[in-house]
Amino acid sequence: MESIWAILDKRIAHIPPKSLLGKTMSYARIQWCQALRFVGCGLLTPDNNAVENTIRPVALGIELALCRNSPQGTGASVRSYPLWKQPAAKANEIEPQA
């Protein structure tokens, strides 16, 4: 983290502040204290894989439903699929199809 801060500190003066890189570097400097806390805490992870894995079945089901043969079938599939693939229902051991 110290070497990242050194690079930010050294190069920020040479980057136009309105450029995408300039905005990114300014944001990084503003959020520096929070970043240090995040890195210092061993309990936190820098990913959202758990969330992505939870919503992936619903997104895939809707995508597959869009390949149905008729607009009515597609509409019915898109409306019903999230009801029986509810991650919250599965997490609470509720059977939505019943």
C-alpha atoms as a PDB file:
ATOM      1  CA  MET A   1       0.000   0.000   0.000  1.00  0.00           C
ATOM      2  CA  GLU A   2       2.912   2.328   0.728  1.00  0.00           C
ATOM      3  CA  SER A   3       4.312   1.847  -2.771  1.00  0.00           C
ATOM      4  CA  ILE A   4       0.886   2.502  -4.314  1.00  0.00           C
ATOM      5  CA  TRP A   5       0.585   5.715  -2.312  1.00  0.00           C
ATOM      6  CA  ALA A   6       4.075   6.758  -3.426  1.00  0.00           C
ATOM      7  CA  ILE A   7       3.123   6.250  -7.092  1.00  0.00           C
ATOM      8  CA  LEU A   8      -0.114   8.201  -6.644  1.00  0.00           C
ATOM      9  CA  ASP A   9       1.671  11.004  -4.846  1.00  0.00           C
ATOM     10  CA  LYS A  10       4.455  11.193  -7.430  1.00  0.00           C
ATOM     11  CA  ARG A  11       2.354  10.997 -10.599  1.00  0.00           C
ATOM     12  CA  ILE A  12      -0.856  12.833  -9.757  1.00  0.00           C
ATOM     13  CA  ALA A  13       0.728  16.206 -10.503  1.00  0.00           C
ATOM     14  CA  HIS A  14       1.531  15.073 -14.073  1.00  0.00           C
ATOM     15  CA  ILE A  15      -1.944  13.737 -14.921  1.00  0.00           C
ATOM     16  CA  PRO A  16      -4.715  16.064 -16.111  1.00  0.00           C
ATOM     17  CA  PRO A  17      -7.302  16.115 -13.298  1.00  0.00           C
ATOM     18  CA  LYS A  18     -10.274  15.915 -15.703  1.00  0.00           C
ATOM     19  CA  SER A  19      -8.922  12.800 -17.456  1.00  0.00           C
ATOM     20  CA  LEU A  20     -10.236   9.371 -16.498  1.00  0.00           C
ATOM     21  CA  LEU A  21      -6.893   8.467 -14.923  1.00  0.00           C
ATOM     22  CA  GLY A  22      -6.789  11.777 -13.053  1.00  0.00           C
ATOM     23  CA  LYS A  23     -10.288  11.238 -11.675  1.00  0.00           C
ATOM     24  CA  THR A  24      -9.402   7.687 -10.679  1.00  0.00           C
ATOM     25  CA  MET A  25      -6.245   8.776  -8.891  1.00  0.00           C
ATOM     26  CA  SER A  26      -8.102  11.567  -7.064  1.00  0.00           C
ATOM     27  CA  TYR A  27     -10.778   9.109  -5.983  1.00  0.00           C
ATOM     28  CA  ALA A  28      -8.126   6.684  -4.748  1.00  0.00           C
ATOM     29  CA  ARG A  29      -6.506   9.395  -2.658  1.00  0.00           C
ATOM     30  CA  ILE A  30      -9.860  10.481  -1.205  1.00  0.00           C
ATOM     31  CA  GLN A  31     -10.732   6.900  -0.270  1.00  0.00           C
ATOM     32  CA  TRP A  32      -7.257   6.042   1.022  1.00  0.00           C
ATOM     33  CA  CYS A  33      -8.166   5.741   4.732  1.00  0.00           C
ATOM     34  CA  GLN A  34     -11.024   3.376   3.915  1.00  0.00           C
ATOM     35  CA  ALA A  35      -8.765   1.312   1.672  1.00  0.00           C
ATOM     36  CA  LEU A  36      -6.201   0.949   4.443  1.00  0.00           C
ATOM     37  CA  ARG A  37      -8.906  -0.224   6.857  1.00  0.00           C
ATOM     38  CA  PHE A  38     -10.203  -2.697   4.288  1.00  0.00           C
ATOM     39  CA  VAL A  39      -6.769  -4.161   3.588  1.00  0.00           C
ATOM     40  CA  GLY A  40      -5.966  -4.285   7.309  1.00  0.00           C
ATOM     41  CA  CYS A  41      -9.075  -6.330   8.143  1.00  0.00           C
ATOM     42  CA  GLY A  42      -8.581 -10.024   7.456  1.00  0.00           C
ATOM     43  CA  LEU A  43     -12.319 -10.757   7.525  1.00  0.00           C
ATOM     44  CA  LEU A  44     -13.211  -8.812   4.396  1.00  0.00           C
ATOM     45  CA  THR A  45     -12.775 -10.087   0.850  1.00  0.00           C
ATOM     46  CA  PRO A  46     -12.463  -7.895  -2.250  1.00  0.00           C
ATOM     47  CA  ASP A  47     -14.993  -9.808  -4.338  1.00  0.00           C
ATOM     48  CA  ASN A  48     -18.707 -10.329  -4.674  1.00  0.00           C
ATOM     49  CA  ASN A  49     -18.649 -13.954  -5.826  1.00  0.00           C
ATOM     50  CA  ALA A  50     -21.242 -15.014  -3.247  1.00  0.00           C
ATOM     51  CA  VAL A  51     -23.760 -12.521  -4.633  1.00  0.00           C
ATOM     52  CA  GLU A  52     -22.981 -13.393  -8.243  1.00  0.00           C
ATOM     53  CA  ASN A  53     -23.349 -17.107  -7.557  1.00  0.00           C
ATOM     54  CA  THR A  54     -26.707 -16.471  -5.896  1.00  0.00           C
ATOM     55  CA  ILE A  55     -28.235 -14.510  -8.777  1.00  0.00           C
ATOM     56  CA  ARG A  56     -26.645 -16.447 -11.661  1.00  0.00           C
ATOM     57  CA  PRO A  57     -29.360 -19.167 -11.865  1.00  0.00           C
ATOM     58  CA  VAL A  58     -32.103 -16.559 -12.163  1.00  0.00           C
ATOM     59  CA  ALA A  59     -30.239 -14.614 -14.847  1.00  0.00           C
ATOM     60  CA  LEU A  60     -29.485 -17.789 -16.829  1.00  0.00           C
ATOM     61  CA  GLY A  61     -33.079 -18.987 -16.556  1.00  0.00           C
ATOM     62  CA  ILE A  62     -34.432 -15.717 -17.888  1.00  0.00           C
ATOM     63  CA  GLU A  63     -31.897 -15.773 -20.699  1.00  0.00           C
ATOM     64  CA  LEU A  64     -32.926 -19.321 -21.639  1.00  0.00           C
ATOM     65  CA  ALA A  65     -36.602 -18.377 -21.478  1.00  0.00           C
ATOM     66  CA  LEU A  66     -36.009 -15.746 -24.130  1.00  0.00           C
ATOM     67  CA  CYS A  67     -35.199 -18.572 -26.561  1.00  0.00           C
ATOM     68  CA  ARG A  68     -38.718 -20.092 -26.332  1.00  0.00           C
ATOM     69  CA  ASN A  69     -40.734 -20.612 -29.532  1.00  0.00           C
ATOM     70  CA  SER A  70     -43.557 -18.150 -28.904  1.00  0.00           C
ATOM     71  CA  PRO A  71     -43.831 -14.701 -27.313  1.00  0.00           C
ATOM     72  CA  GLN A  72     -46.485 -16.033 -24.923  1.00  0.00           C
ATOM     73  CA  GLY A  73     -44.232 -18.887 -23.794  1.00  0.00           C
ATOM     74  CA  THR A  74     -41.333 -16.529 -23.339  1.00  0.00           C
ATOM     75  CA  GLY A  75     -43.453 -14.134 -21.276  1.00  0.00           C
ATOM     76  CA  ALA A  76     -44.761 -16.910 -19.061  1.00  0.00           C
ATOM     77  CA  SER A  77     -41.283 -18.334 -18.524  1.00  0.00           C
ATOM     78  CA  VAL A  78     -39.754 -14.964 -17.728  1.00  0.00           C
ATOM     79  CA  ARG A  79     -42.513 -14.196 -15.211  1.00  0.00           C
ATOM     80  CA  SER A  80     -42.496 -17.575 -13.500  1.00  0.00           C
ATOM     81  CA  TYR A  81     -38.807 -18.508 -13.453  1.00  0.00           C
ATOM     82  CA  PRO A  82     -37.748 -16.058 -10.723  1.00  0.00           C
ATOM     83  CA  LEU A  83     -40.585 -17.335  -8.530  1.00  0.00           C
ATOM     84  CA  TRP A  84     -39.289 -20.893  -8.388  1.00  0.00           C
ATOM     85  CA  LYS A  85     -35.599 -20.031  -8.443  1.00  0.00           C
ATOM     86  CA  GLN A  86     -35.784 -17.583  -5.551  1.00  0.00           C
ATOM     87  CA  PRO A  87     -32.411 -17.614  -3.737  1.00  0.00           C
ATOM     88  CA  ALA A  88     -34.140 -16.401  -0.566  1.00  0.00           C
ATOM     89  CA  ALA A  89     -36.591 -19.296  -0.705  1.00  0.00           C
ATOM     90  CA  LYS A  90     -33.779 -21.805  -1.127  1.00  0.00           C
ATOM     91  CA  ALA A  91     -31.795 -20.223   1.698  1.00  0.00           C
ATOM     92  CA  ASN A  92     -34.822 -20.567   4.002  1.00  0.00           C
ATOM     93  CA  GLU A  93     -35.524 -24.129   2.854  1.00  0.00           C
ATOM     94  CA  ILE A  94     -38.877 -23.174   1.331  1.00  0.00           C
ATOM     95  CA  GLU A  95     -40.014 -25.075  -1.745  1.00  0.00           C
ATOM     96  CA  PRO A  96     -41.463 -22.349  -4.064  1.00  0.00           C
ATOM     97  CA  GLN A  97     -42.788 -24.869  -6.610  1.00  0.00           C
ATOM     98  CA  ALA A  98     -45.013 -26.500  -3.965  1.00  0.00           C
END
